[in-house]
Amino acid sequence: MTTPTADNNDQQQQSGRQTAAQRRSLPDFRDVAEALADKEKVCRKPVPMRVENPRTFEVSYIGAPCKSTIASVCPACAEQAKYLRMTQCREGWHLDHEPEVDKKDPTEHQQELVATRADLFDNYQQAKSDGDTVGMDAIAEVVASIDAELRDTGLAKRLPPLDAPGKGRRVRSTRRRQDMPNLPRRRVSKTTIGRQFAGRFRPSMFVTLTLPSYGRVGSDGAPVDFASYDYTRAARDIVFFSNLVDRWIKNLRRVVGYNVQYWGTIEPQKRGAPHFHVALRGAITHKIIQQVTDATYFQAWWPRFDPEDLVYDGDRLPVWDHQRAVFVHPDTCEPLTGFDDAIDILGEVDNWEPAHVTRFGVQVDSKGILGGTEESSRHIGYMTKYLTKSIGEVLEAKTPRAADHYDRLHNQLQYVPCSKQCAVWLRYGIIPVGASDKTVPGRCRGKAHRRDTLGLPGRRVLKSEMWSGKTLADHKADRAEFVRQLLAEYGIEKPDTSHLRVTPVQPGDQHALPRDHLIMAAIAQRKTWRAEYVKAMLVASPPGAQETSAIPEAA
């Protein structure tokens, strides 16, 4: 009979005979901790936070979830984010009443701060007219402190600046293009609820919108003929796709006559072009949806960025002049034209045409969906099935031709400006808005120019303001409050943590816990929560009742 000590010695001798490669392949403590975190469905990459109790002056450290939406980064956080999105979509899709928005009244303290700011604004204007720059700087400093205090009290939107903007808003003609069909226009009412049929049915819509064809493609998404595929137009339509969707929603509201609410996701197709799956509240005929889609377009009133307009390429790019604080020609050192100045010059041209016009494709799918049905749940799952995957994972090349196609499309996107602040404008001899010595000519950090976000430069989820009347934080709070009330009903009271001050751990904090400890603490806390929830469910369920598996993953 062998003793435990002998077994340990044998294991140590066996491990000592392992090669260096075998020892390197063994998991370390963090690998095991992250695997256990995935099993227990807690965050595997917690962010260390400092918790201070102002009543007892006690300080502790916890791990806050990383809130990643990508399953390959953190499966638990990605799954929770997907669940919240599904809840948000489900609660707003088939509403039969107007969503309630809780608008808080201004407090007395906020009104006093605004009154003080108004007096300082008058003093600032007087000092400006007198040329008192010292007084202007002093007043601006006081106003900055008041603005910071106002934001701390909870204030929406931006505060007005002390100095008015130099240029007014540019006004362009709203006349529709002659090559596009006209749309009937009604006055949009404030209601967000669709029609009711037979006294009880209130169906809603599921619509899919795509971009036009740029050339025939195969089953792997790669073009049949690379030479005839219109990469220039494909790249431009990708950049302006979100603007086109926004214009489509506005046109739809004007045609149907009520404030249509929407919740949708943008996903890339195999060819790399984005398409839009959207849930619309209320019943709208396919004829109207097709009519609005055919008549919707977006015009980019920017300086032209065609291939023949390219001024600088390769290593010959504009350089930054530190003395004049402007980009100049690399040979003549002449300053380049600014973006706003280029727009003003083009505005004086009688036949100024937009730099690009984006339209939808001919394929439009629409379907009526009834709330509370299996079909409704299936479509919600269909819209959210790719939210936990990155664009690189969705557009994973299956063949060498597909990989070549994605590389060509990504290369073309390097020559399409994504905004008026985009550094790609310097390739066309135009200084982007907000350019500085840190701006690298021709290289923009925007999502439109990144390989890992190919085909999707903006947000993946688009939602109207009055969809459910709640934000994701509100839905998360509702879920946590449900669990707290359930536990309190059966004698399990959770401590009040609303008074605690939670701040990020500052660099150099010696008392902060390492990530391994934070993961272990989160796992222990999750097991405690699960045991409390199971206890409450056992008390609530009568003997012989069917067990439930609706154990929350996070409270």
Protein backbone atom coordinates (compact mmCIF):
# COMPACT_ATOMS: atom_id res chain seq x y z
CA MET A 1 0.00 0.00 0.00
CA THR A 2 1.44 3.33 -1.08
CA THR A 3 1.24 6.37 1.14
CA PRO A 4 0.20 9.91 -0.01
CA THR A 5 3.79 11.01 0.52
CA ALA A 6 5.07 8.36 -1.86
CA ASP A 7 2.47 9.36 -4.47
CA ASN A 8 3.58 12.98 -4.24
CA ASN A 9 7.22 11.98 -4.64
CA ASP A 10 6.37 9.91 -7.73
CA GLN A 11 4.47 12.85 -9.23
CA GLN A 12 7.38 15.18 -8.55
CA GLN A 13 9.83 12.75 -10.14
CA GLN A 14 7.53 12.34 -13.15
CA SER A 15 7.17 16.12 -13.56
CA GLY A 16 10.93 16.49 -13.25
CA ARG A 17 11.37 14.26 -16.32
CA GLN A 18 9.17 16.55 -18.47
CA THR A 19 10.80 18.51 -21.25
CA ALA A 20 10.85 22.29 -21.37
CA ALA A 21 8.23 22.30 -24.14
CA GLN A 22 5.92 20.14 -22.04
CA ARG A 23 6.31 22.41 -19.01
CA ARG A 24 5.55 25.49 -21.14
CA SER A 25 2.35 23.85 -22.37
CA LEU A 26 1.00 23.45 -18.84
CA PRO A 27 -1.69 25.95 -17.78
CA ASP A 28 -0.79 28.55 -15.18
CA PHE A 29 -3.02 29.80 -12.37
CA ARG A 30 -4.56 32.57 -14.48
CA ASP A 31 -5.47 30.13 -17.25
CA VAL A 32 -7.29 27.95 -14.74
CA ALA A 33 -8.97 30.98 -13.15
CA GLU A 34 -10.20 32.27 -16.52
CA ALA A 35 -11.50 28.81 -17.48
CA LEU A 36 -13.38 28.61 -14.17
CA ALA A 37 -14.72 32.13 -14.73
CA ASP A 38 -16.11 31.05 -18.10
CA LYS A 39 -17.69 28.01 -16.47
CA GLU A 40 -19.30 30.09 -13.71
CA LYS A 41 -20.21 32.84 -16.23
CA VAL A 42 -18.37 35.70 -14.58
CA CYS A 43 -16.05 38.24 -16.18
CA ARG A 44 -12.66 36.81 -17.04
CA LYS A 45 -11.00 40.24 -17.40
CA PRO A 46 -12.29 42.28 -14.42
CA VAL A 47 -11.26 45.92 -14.09
CA PRO A 48 -9.91 46.76 -10.58
CA MET A 49 -12.02 49.40 -8.83
CA ARG A 50 -11.55 51.21 -5.51
CA VAL A 51 -14.61 51.26 -3.21
CA GLU A 52 -14.78 53.85 -0.43
CA ASN A 53 -17.46 53.92 2.25
CA PRO A 54 -17.96 57.60 3.25
CA ARG A 55 -19.75 56.54 6.45
CA THR A 56 -17.09 54.26 7.88
CA PHE A 57 -14.09 55.46 5.75
CA GLU A 58 -13.33 51.86 4.86
CA VAL A 59 -11.62 51.17 1.53
CA SER A 60 -11.87 47.91 -0.40
CA TYR A 61 -11.15 46.72 -3.92
CA ILE A 62 -13.46 44.87 -6.28
CA GLY A 63 -13.41 43.77 -9.90
CA ALA A 64 -15.87 45.48 -12.24
CA PRO A 65 -16.96 43.60 -15.39
CA CYS A 66 -15.02 44.54 -18.52
CA LYS A 67 -18.33 44.93 -20.43
CA SER A 68 -16.88 43.49 -23.61
CA THR A 69 -19.43 42.59 -26.28
CA ILE A 70 -17.15 40.07 -28.03
CA ALA A 71 -17.33 36.47 -26.84
CA SER A 72 -13.72 35.74 -27.79
CA VAL A 73 -12.63 38.45 -25.33
CA CYS A 74 -15.03 37.74 -22.45
CA PRO A 75 -17.84 35.20 -22.96
CA ALA A 76 -19.75 36.15 -19.79
CA CYS A 77 -19.89 39.91 -20.48
CA ALA A 78 -20.70 39.35 -24.15
CA GLU A 79 -23.57 37.01 -23.31
CA GLN A 80 -24.97 39.45 -20.77
CA ALA A 81 -24.76 42.33 -23.26
CA LYS A 82 -26.55 40.23 -25.87
CA TYR A 83 -29.29 39.30 -23.38
CA LEU A 84 -29.85 42.99 -22.52
CA ARG A 85 -30.13 43.84 -26.22
CA MET A 86 -32.66 41.06 -26.74
CA THR A 87 -34.66 42.31 -23.75
CA GLN A 88 -34.55 45.84 -25.09
CA CYS A 89 -35.75 44.72 -28.52
CA ARG A 90 -38.53 42.52 -27.11
CA GLU A 91 -39.94 45.17 -24.72
CA GLY A 92 -40.25 47.86 -27.37
CA TRP A 93 -41.25 45.97 -30.50
CA HIS A 94 -44.95 45.37 -29.81
CA LEU A 95 -45.82 48.07 -27.28
CA ASP A 96 -49.53 48.87 -27.09
CA HIS A 97 -49.04 52.12 -25.15
CA GLU A 98 -46.79 55.13 -25.44
CA PRO A 99 -43.47 54.60 -23.62
CA GLU A 100 -43.06 56.70 -20.52
CA VAL A 101 -39.95 58.83 -20.23
CA ASP A 102 -39.13 60.03 -16.73
CA LYS A 103 -38.07 63.66 -17.16
CA LYS A 104 -36.57 65.14 -14.00
CA ASP A 105 -37.34 68.73 -13.03
CA PRO A 106 -34.43 71.17 -12.60
CA THR A 107 -33.31 71.49 -9.00
CA GLU A 108 -32.96 74.75 -7.09
CA HIS A 109 -29.20 74.31 -7.02
CA GLN A 110 -29.07 73.94 -10.82
CA GLN A 111 -31.17 77.09 -11.28
CA GLU A 112 -28.87 79.05 -8.97
CA LEU A 113 -25.81 77.91 -10.91
CA VAL A 114 -27.39 78.85 -14.25
CA ALA A 115 -28.37 82.30 -12.89
CA THR A 116 -24.78 82.87 -11.74
CA ARG A 117 -23.51 81.74 -15.12
CA ALA A 118 -25.86 84.19 -16.87
CA ASP A 119 -24.42 87.09 -14.86
CA LEU A 120 -20.90 85.98 -15.66
CA PHE A 121 -21.83 85.74 -19.34
CA ASP A 122 -22.88 89.42 -19.35
CA ASN A 123 -19.64 90.37 -17.59
CA TYR A 124 -17.67 88.36 -20.15
CA GLN A 125 -19.33 90.13 -23.08
CA GLN A 126 -18.68 93.51 -21.47
CA ALA A 127 -15.01 92.64 -20.90
CA LYS A 128 -14.80 91.45 -24.51
CA SER A 129 -16.19 94.75 -25.83
CA ASP A 130 -13.72 96.68 -23.62
CA GLY A 131 -10.79 94.56 -24.81
CA ASP A 132 -10.03 93.34 -21.28
CA THR A 133 -8.40 89.99 -22.02
CA VAL A 134 -7.30 89.49 -18.42
CA GLY A 135 -10.87 89.88 -17.21
CA MET A 136 -12.11 87.54 -19.94
CA ASP A 137 -9.66 84.81 -18.86
CA ALA A 138 -10.64 85.20 -15.22
CA ILE A 139 -14.36 84.98 -15.99
CA ALA A 140 -13.81 81.98 -18.30
CA GLU A 141 -12.01 80.16 -15.49
CA VAL A 142 -14.91 80.74 -13.08
CA VAL A 143 -17.45 79.67 -15.71
CA ALA A 144 -15.47 76.47 -16.33
CA SER A 145 -15.76 75.56 -12.63
CA ILE A 146 -19.50 76.30 -12.68
CA ASP A 147 -19.93 74.14 -15.79
CA ALA A 148 -18.13 71.28 -14.07
CA GLU A 149 -20.42 71.60 -11.06
CA LEU A 150 -23.47 71.67 -13.33
CA ARG A 151 -22.40 68.46 -15.03
CA ASP A 152 -21.90 66.79 -11.66
CA THR A 153 -25.52 67.61 -10.74
CA GLY A 154 -26.74 65.70 -13.82
CA LEU A 155 -27.20 67.82 -16.93
CA ALA A 156 -28.06 66.62 -20.43
CA LYS A 157 -26.51 67.97 -23.63
CA ARG A 158 -23.76 70.53 -24.01
CA LEU A 159 -23.50 73.89 -22.32
CA PRO A 160 -23.45 76.98 -24.56
CA PRO A 161 -19.95 78.47 -25.03
CA LEU A 162 -19.08 81.99 -23.97
CA ASP A 163 -17.98 82.85 -27.51
CA ALA A 164 -20.44 82.29 -30.35
CA PRO A 165 -19.23 80.17 -33.29
CA GLY A 166 -17.58 82.17 -36.03
CA LYS A 167 -19.48 80.67 -38.98
CA GLY A 168 -23.17 79.95 -39.25
CA ARG A 169 -24.74 76.76 -40.50
CA ARG A 170 -24.51 76.25 -44.24
CA VAL A 171 -27.89 76.15 -45.96
CA ARG A 172 -28.32 74.06 -49.09
CA SER A 173 -31.27 73.43 -51.33
CA THR A 174 -33.59 70.62 -50.21
CA ARG A 175 -34.86 70.01 -53.73
CA ARG A 176 -34.96 66.31 -54.55
CA ARG A 177 -32.86 64.83 -57.32
CA GLN A 178 -34.58 64.62 -60.67
CA ASP A 179 -33.52 60.99 -61.16
CA MET A 180 -35.27 59.85 -57.96
CA PRO A 181 -39.04 59.29 -57.50
CA ASN A 182 -41.02 61.68 -55.33
CA LEU A 183 -42.55 60.71 -52.01
CA PRO A 184 -45.89 61.72 -50.47
CA ARG A 185 -45.40 63.74 -47.32
CA ARG A 186 -47.59 63.95 -44.26
CA ARG A 187 -47.29 65.79 -41.00
CA VAL A 188 -45.59 63.47 -38.50
CA SER A 189 -47.64 63.07 -35.33
CA LYS A 190 -46.07 62.40 -31.93
CA THR A 191 -47.64 58.97 -31.52
CA THR A 192 -45.33 55.96 -31.72
CA ILE A 193 -47.98 53.19 -31.72
CA GLY A 194 -49.19 51.52 -34.88
CA ARG A 195 -52.72 50.57 -35.89
CA GLN A 196 -54.79 47.90 -34.19
CA PHE A 197 -56.71 45.31 -36.21
CA ALA A 198 -59.83 43.37 -35.18
CA GLY A 199 -59.78 45.05 -31.80
CA ARG A 200 -56.82 43.04 -30.46
CA PHE A 201 -54.08 42.49 -33.07
CA ARG A 202 -51.31 45.06 -33.34
CA PRO A 203 -48.67 43.61 -35.71
CA SER A 204 -45.25 45.11 -36.30
CA MET A 205 -42.71 44.80 -39.10
CA PHE A 206 -39.38 43.11 -39.74
CA VAL A 207 -37.45 44.63 -42.66
CA THR A 208 -34.10 43.88 -44.29
CA LEU A 209 -32.33 46.51 -46.43
CA THR A 210 -29.23 45.90 -48.55
CA LEU A 211 -26.89 47.90 -50.76
CA PRO A 212 -26.84 47.56 -54.56
CA SER A 213 -24.73 45.11 -56.50
CA TYR A 214 -21.16 46.05 -57.45
CA GLY A 215 -20.53 42.95 -59.52
CA ARG A 216 -21.35 39.28 -59.55
CA VAL A 217 -19.98 37.35 -56.53
CA GLY A 218 -19.57 33.68 -55.74
CA SER A 219 -20.69 31.64 -52.76
CA ASP A 220 -17.58 32.68 -50.78
CA GLY A 221 -18.36 36.39 -51.27
CA ALA A 222 -15.49 36.99 -53.71
CA PRO A 223 -16.22 38.60 -57.12
CA VAL A 224 -16.38 36.37 -60.14
CA ASP A 225 -14.37 39.02 -62.00
CA PHE A 226 -12.13 41.22 -59.85
CA ALA A 227 -11.48 43.65 -62.71
CA SER A 228 -15.15 44.55 -63.21
CA TYR A 229 -16.07 44.75 -59.51
CA ASP A 230 -16.74 48.37 -58.48
CA TYR A 231 -14.56 48.64 -55.37
CA THR A 232 -14.66 52.44 -55.39
CA ARG A 233 -18.42 52.61 -55.08
CA ALA A 234 -18.52 49.71 -52.61
CA ALA A 235 -16.09 51.44 -50.25
CA ARG A 236 -17.97 54.74 -50.42
CA ASP A 237 -21.33 53.12 -49.76
CA ILE A 238 -19.86 51.44 -46.69
CA VAL A 239 -18.75 54.78 -45.25
CA PHE A 240 -22.11 56.50 -45.81
CA PHE A 241 -24.40 53.55 -45.03
CA SER A 242 -25.42 54.82 -41.58
CA ASN A 243 -26.37 58.20 -43.10
CA LEU A 244 -28.50 56.39 -45.67
CA VAL A 245 -30.30 54.42 -42.94
CA ASP A 246 -31.00 57.62 -41.01
CA ARG A 247 -32.47 59.24 -44.13
CA TRP A 248 -34.63 56.15 -44.76
CA ILE A 249 -36.15 56.37 -41.26
CA LYS A 250 -36.94 60.08 -41.74
CA ASN A 251 -38.60 59.44 -45.10
CA LEU A 252 -40.63 56.55 -43.68
CA ARG A 253 -41.98 58.72 -40.87
CA ARG A 254 -43.00 61.44 -43.31
CA VAL A 255 -44.85 58.98 -45.50
CA VAL A 256 -46.79 57.05 -42.81
CA GLY A 257 -47.47 60.15 -40.71
CA TYR A 258 -46.39 58.95 -37.25
CA ASN A 259 -43.16 58.71 -35.27
CA VAL A 260 -42.08 55.21 -36.33
CA GLN A 261 -39.82 53.60 -33.75
CA TYR A 262 -37.10 51.18 -34.78
CA TRP A 263 -34.51 48.77 -33.36
CA GLY A 264 -32.07 47.19 -35.75
CA THR A 265 -28.65 45.67 -36.26
CA ILE A 266 -26.15 46.23 -39.05
CA GLU A 267 -24.22 43.18 -40.20
CA PRO A 268 -21.72 42.63 -43.02
CA GLN A 269 -22.60 40.31 -45.85
CA LYS A 270 -20.09 37.84 -47.27
CA ARG A 271 -19.16 40.31 -49.99
CA GLY A 272 -18.22 42.87 -47.30
CA ALA A 273 -21.17 45.22 -47.79
CA PRO A 274 -23.35 46.04 -44.75
CA HIS A 275 -27.05 45.27 -44.60
CA PHE A 276 -29.69 46.36 -42.09
CA HIS A 277 -32.12 44.15 -40.15
CA VAL A 278 -34.67 46.39 -38.44
CA ALA A 279 -37.75 45.85 -36.28
CA LEU A 280 -40.39 48.56 -36.81
CA ARG A 281 -43.23 49.19 -34.39
CA GLY A 282 -46.57 49.21 -36.18
CA ALA A 283 -47.91 47.66 -39.37
CA ILE A 284 -46.66 49.20 -42.64
CA THR A 285 -47.47 47.76 -46.05
CA HIS A 286 -44.70 46.34 -48.19
CA LYS A 287 -45.69 48.74 -50.95
CA ILE A 288 -44.91 51.75 -48.79
CA ILE A 289 -41.63 50.24 -47.57
CA GLN A 290 -40.57 49.50 -51.14
CA GLN A 291 -41.61 52.99 -52.24
CA VAL A 292 -39.62 54.66 -49.47
CA THR A 293 -36.58 52.48 -50.15
CA ASP A 294 -36.58 53.26 -53.87
CA ALA A 295 -36.84 57.01 -53.21
CA THR A 296 -34.23 57.24 -50.41
CA TYR A 297 -30.72 58.48 -51.10
CA PHE A 298 -27.92 60.32 -49.31
CA GLN A 299 -25.71 62.97 -50.88
CA ALA A 300 -22.25 63.73 -49.48
CA TRP A 301 -21.70 67.46 -50.02
CA TRP A 302 -17.95 67.29 -49.60
CA PRO A 303 -14.97 68.15 -51.79
CA ARG A 304 -14.48 65.50 -54.42
CA PHE A 305 -12.25 62.54 -53.59
CA ASP A 306 -12.20 60.67 -56.89
CA PRO A 307 -9.02 58.79 -57.94
CA GLU A 308 -8.16 61.58 -60.39
CA ASP A 309 -8.37 64.10 -57.51
CA LEU A 310 -5.60 62.33 -55.57
CA VAL A 311 -2.72 64.78 -55.03
CA TYR A 312 -0.38 62.95 -52.64
CA ASP A 313 0.31 59.24 -52.41
CA GLY A 314 3.01 56.87 -51.30
CA ASP A 315 5.84 58.52 -49.33
CA ARG A 316 5.23 61.97 -50.83
CA LEU A 317 2.72 63.44 -48.39
CA PRO A 318 2.07 66.87 -46.85
CA VAL A 319 4.22 67.90 -43.89
CA TRP A 320 3.36 69.86 -40.75
CA ASP A 321 4.81 73.37 -40.44
CA HIS A 322 5.34 73.95 -36.70
CA GLN A 323 5.86 77.71 -37.09
CA ARG A 324 2.61 78.31 -38.99
CA ALA A 325 0.76 75.37 -37.39
CA VAL A 326 -0.56 74.14 -40.72
CA PHE A 327 0.07 71.36 -43.25
CA VAL A 328 2.07 72.51 -46.29
CA HIS A 329 3.15 71.16 -49.66
CA PRO A 330 6.27 68.96 -49.25
CA ASP A 331 8.14 70.80 -52.06
CA THR A 332 6.88 74.40 -52.19
CA CYS A 333 5.91 74.70 -48.48
CA GLU A 334 2.67 76.42 -49.52
CA PRO A 335 -0.19 75.95 -47.02
CA LEU A 336 -2.92 73.56 -48.11
CA THR A 337 -6.58 74.47 -48.34
CA GLY A 338 -8.66 73.90 -45.21
CA PHE A 339 -11.81 71.78 -45.31
CA ASP A 340 -14.18 74.67 -44.54
CA ASP A 341 -12.45 76.89 -47.08
CA ALA A 342 -12.80 74.17 -49.72
CA ILE A 343 -16.52 73.91 -48.98
CA ASP A 344 -16.89 77.70 -49.28
CA ILE A 345 -15.12 77.67 -52.64
CA LEU A 346 -17.33 74.88 -53.96
CA GLY A 347 -20.43 76.62 -52.61
CA GLU A 348 -19.84 79.47 -55.04
CA VAL A 349 -19.95 77.08 -58.01
CA ASP A 350 -23.36 77.03 -59.72
CA ASN A 351 -23.27 73.39 -60.77
CA TRP A 352 -21.69 71.94 -57.64
CA GLU A 353 -22.44 68.23 -57.55
CA PRO A 354 -22.20 66.03 -54.44
CA ALA A 355 -19.04 64.00 -54.02
CA HIS A 356 -21.04 60.78 -53.75
CA VAL A 357 -24.66 59.61 -53.80
CA THR A 358 -25.59 56.46 -51.87
CA ARG A 359 -28.74 54.41 -52.55
CA PHE A 360 -30.20 51.10 -51.41
CA GLY A 361 -30.32 48.02 -53.59
CA VAL A 362 -33.40 46.59 -55.27
CA GLN A 363 -33.75 43.72 -52.79
CA VAL A 364 -36.11 44.64 -49.93
CA ASP A 365 -37.63 42.08 -47.56
CA SER A 366 -40.47 42.97 -45.18
CA LYS A 367 -42.70 40.83 -43.01
CA GLY A 368 -45.46 41.38 -40.46
CA ILE A 369 -44.82 39.92 -36.99
CA LEU A 370 -47.28 39.47 -34.11
CA GLY A 371 -46.04 40.07 -30.57
CA GLY A 372 -45.68 37.21 -28.10
CA THR A 373 -45.33 34.57 -30.81
CA GLU A 374 -42.55 32.10 -31.49
CA GLU A 375 -41.87 33.88 -34.75
CA SER A 376 -41.22 37.13 -32.88
CA SER A 377 -38.67 35.45 -30.60
CA ARG A 378 -37.04 33.77 -33.58
CA HIS A 379 -36.55 37.08 -35.38
CA ILE A 380 -35.12 38.71 -32.25
CA GLY A 381 -32.61 35.89 -32.04
CA TYR A 382 -31.86 36.30 -35.74
CA MET A 383 -31.10 40.02 -35.33
CA THR A 384 -28.80 39.47 -32.36
CA LYS A 385 -27.03 36.24 -33.35
CA TYR A 386 -23.81 37.99 -34.49
CA LEU A 387 -23.58 40.62 -31.74
CA THR A 388 -21.10 38.52 -29.73
CA LYS A 389 -18.75 38.12 -32.70
CA SER A 390 -16.30 40.67 -34.03
CA ILE A 391 -16.50 41.77 -37.66
CA GLY A 392 -13.28 39.91 -38.33
CA GLU A 393 -14.87 36.70 -37.07
CA VAL A 394 -18.02 37.26 -39.15
CA LEU A 395 -16.02 38.08 -42.29
CA GLU A 396 -13.54 35.26 -41.94
CA ALA A 397 -12.23 34.41 -45.39
CA LYS A 398 -13.02 30.82 -46.36
CA THR A 399 -11.03 30.84 -49.58
CA PRO A 400 -7.91 32.64 -50.91
CA ARG A 401 -10.12 34.56 -53.36
CA ALA A 402 -12.27 35.84 -50.49
CA ALA A 403 -9.17 36.93 -48.58
CA ASP A 404 -7.93 38.76 -51.67
CA HIS A 405 -11.34 40.42 -52.05
CA TYR A 406 -11.35 41.69 -48.46
CA ASP A 407 -7.81 43.02 -48.86
CA ARG A 408 -8.80 44.92 -52.00
CA LEU A 409 -11.84 46.41 -50.29
CA HIS A 410 -9.79 47.40 -47.25
CA ASN A 411 -7.18 49.02 -49.48
CA GLN A 412 -9.86 51.05 -51.25
CA LEU A 413 -11.23 52.27 -47.90
CA GLN A 414 -7.86 53.90 -47.21
CA TYR A 415 -8.71 56.49 -49.89
CA VAL A 416 -12.27 57.31 -48.75
CA PRO A 417 -12.58 60.05 -46.07
CA CYS A 418 -14.90 58.96 -43.27
CA SER A 419 -15.58 62.45 -41.84
CA LYS A 420 -14.45 66.05 -42.12
CA GLN A 421 -11.85 65.28 -39.42
CA CYS A 422 -10.42 62.33 -41.36
CA ALA A 423 -6.68 62.44 -42.10
CA VAL A 424 -7.30 60.89 -45.54
CA TRP A 425 -8.26 64.38 -46.76
CA LEU A 426 -4.56 65.27 -46.78
CA ARG A 427 -4.10 62.85 -49.68
CA TYR A 428 -6.35 65.19 -51.69
CA GLY A 429 -4.60 68.38 -50.63
CA ILE A 430 -7.21 69.38 -48.03
CA ILE A 431 -6.53 69.99 -44.34
CA PRO A 432 -9.14 68.16 -42.20
CA VAL A 433 -10.95 69.92 -39.39
CA GLY A 434 -9.00 69.81 -36.12
CA ALA A 435 -5.69 68.79 -37.72
CA SER A 436 -2.59 69.13 -35.54
CA ASP A 437 1.04 68.05 -35.45
CA LYS A 438 -0.13 64.63 -34.23
CA THR A 439 -2.18 64.04 -37.40
CA VAL A 440 -0.56 61.47 -39.68
CA PRO A 441 -1.33 62.28 -43.35
CA GLY A 442 -3.41 59.57 -45.00
CA ARG A 443 -3.81 57.49 -41.82
CA CYS A 444 -7.08 57.72 -39.91
CA ARG A 445 -7.91 55.76 -36.77
CA GLY A 446 -11.61 55.62 -37.59
CA LYS A 447 -13.38 52.26 -37.83
CA ALA A 448 -14.00 52.77 -41.54
CA HIS A 449 -10.29 52.26 -42.26
CA ARG A 450 -9.61 49.32 -39.95
CA ARG A 451 -9.34 45.76 -41.19
CA ASP A 452 -11.06 44.26 -38.14
CA THR A 453 -14.19 46.37 -38.75
CA LEU A 454 -14.35 45.88 -42.51
CA GLY A 455 -17.83 46.56 -43.83
CA LEU A 456 -19.12 48.13 -40.62
CA PRO A 457 -17.57 51.52 -39.76
CA GLY A 458 -20.20 52.60 -37.21
CA ARG A 459 -22.44 51.21 -34.49
CA ARG A 460 -23.82 47.70 -34.84
CA VAL A 461 -27.11 48.42 -33.03
CA LEU A 462 -29.33 51.36 -34.03
CA LYS A 463 -32.27 52.28 -31.80
CA SER A 464 -34.78 55.12 -31.76
CA GLU A 465 -35.15 57.26 -28.65
CA MET A 466 -38.73 56.23 -27.86
CA TRP A 467 -38.33 52.51 -28.51
CA SER A 468 -38.85 51.27 -24.95
CA GLY A 469 -38.30 54.44 -22.96
CA LYS A 470 -35.31 52.78 -21.29
CA THR A 471 -31.58 52.58 -21.76
CA LEU A 472 -29.48 49.43 -21.40
CA ALA A 473 -28.59 50.58 -17.88
CA ASP A 474 -32.32 50.82 -17.08
CA HIS A 475 -32.96 47.29 -18.33
CA LYS A 476 -30.03 46.00 -16.29
CA ALA A 477 -31.31 47.80 -13.19
CA ASP A 478 -34.79 46.31 -13.71
CA ARG A 479 -33.30 42.83 -13.85
CA ALA A 480 -31.27 43.36 -10.68
CA GLU A 481 -34.25 44.90 -8.86
CA PHE A 482 -36.41 41.88 -9.74
CA VAL A 483 -33.88 39.55 -8.14
CA ARG A 484 -33.54 41.76 -5.05
CA GLN A 485 -37.29 41.88 -4.53
CA LEU A 486 -37.54 38.11 -4.95
CA LEU A 487 -34.82 37.53 -2.37
CA ALA A 488 -36.30 40.08 0.06
CA GLU A 489 -39.70 38.40 -0.18
CA TYR A 490 -38.19 35.26 1.33
CA GLY A 491 -36.07 36.91 4.00
CA ILE A 492 -32.80 37.46 2.11
CA GLU A 493 -31.98 41.16 2.38
CA LYS A 494 -29.14 42.58 0.30
CA PRO A 495 -27.15 45.46 1.84
CA ASP A 496 -27.62 48.99 0.50
CA THR A 497 -24.62 50.01 -1.60
CA SER A 498 -25.95 53.25 -3.09
CA HIS A 499 -23.78 55.39 -0.79
CA LEU A 500 -20.49 53.76 -1.80
CA ARG A 501 -18.04 55.67 -3.98
CA VAL A 502 -16.58 53.47 -6.71
CA THR A 503 -13.65 54.88 -8.69
CA PRO A 504 -11.04 53.32 -11.00
CA VAL A 505 -7.79 52.27 -9.38
CA GLN A 506 -5.10 54.85 -9.99
CA PRO A 507 -1.74 53.73 -11.41
CA GLY A 508 0.73 52.88 -8.68
CA ASP A 509 -1.86 51.87 -6.09
CA GLN A 510 -0.02 49.24 -4.07
CA HIS A 511 -3.18 47.96 -2.36
CA ALA A 512 -5.00 46.99 -5.57
CA LEU A 513 -5.61 43.28 -5.94
CA PRO A 514 -4.21 41.36 -8.95
CA ARG A 515 -6.59 40.09 -11.58
CA ASP A 516 -6.35 36.51 -10.37
CA HIS A 517 -7.69 37.48 -6.95
CA LEU A 518 -10.46 39.56 -8.50
CA ILE A 519 -11.59 36.60 -10.59
CA MET A 520 -11.61 34.30 -7.56
CA ALA A 521 -13.62 36.84 -5.55
CA ALA A 522 -16.14 37.19 -8.39
CA ILE A 523 -16.54 33.40 -8.63
CA ALA A 524 -17.14 33.12 -4.88
CA GLN A 525 -19.68 35.94 -5.02
CA ARG A 526 -21.46 34.33 -7.96
CA LYS A 527 -21.77 31.04 -6.08
CA THR A 528 -23.22 32.88 -3.08
CA TRP A 529 -25.78 34.67 -5.27
CA ARG A 530 -26.75 31.44 -6.98
CA ALA A 531 -27.22 29.66 -3.64
CA GLU A 532 -29.41 32.51 -2.35
CA TYR A 533 -31.51 32.49 -5.50
CA VAL A 534 -31.97 28.72 -5.44
CA LYS A 535 -32.99 28.93 -1.78
CA ALA A 536 -35.60 31.57 -2.59
CA MET A 537 -36.95 29.51 -5.49
CA LEU A 538 -37.20 26.39 -3.32
CA VAL A 539 -39.17 28.33 -0.72
CA ALA A 540 -41.41 29.83 -3.41
CA SER A 541 -42.10 26.55 -5.22
CA PRO A 542 -44.59 24.16 -3.58
CA PRO A 543 -43.59 20.51 -3.12
CA GLY A 544 -43.72 18.61 -6.41
CA ALA A 545 -43.75 21.77 -8.53
CA GLN A 546 -41.72 21.85 -11.72
CA GLU A 547 -38.24 23.21 -11.15
CA THR A 548 -37.16 26.38 -12.87
CA SER A 549 -33.81 27.05 -14.43
CA ALA A 550 -34.19 30.81 -14.72
CA ILE A 551 -31.18 31.51 -12.53
CA PRO A 552 -29.85 34.97 -13.36
CA GLU A 553 -26.29 35.18 -14.54
CA ALA A 554 -25.73 38.63 -13.02
CA ALA A 555 -27.64 40.75 -10.58
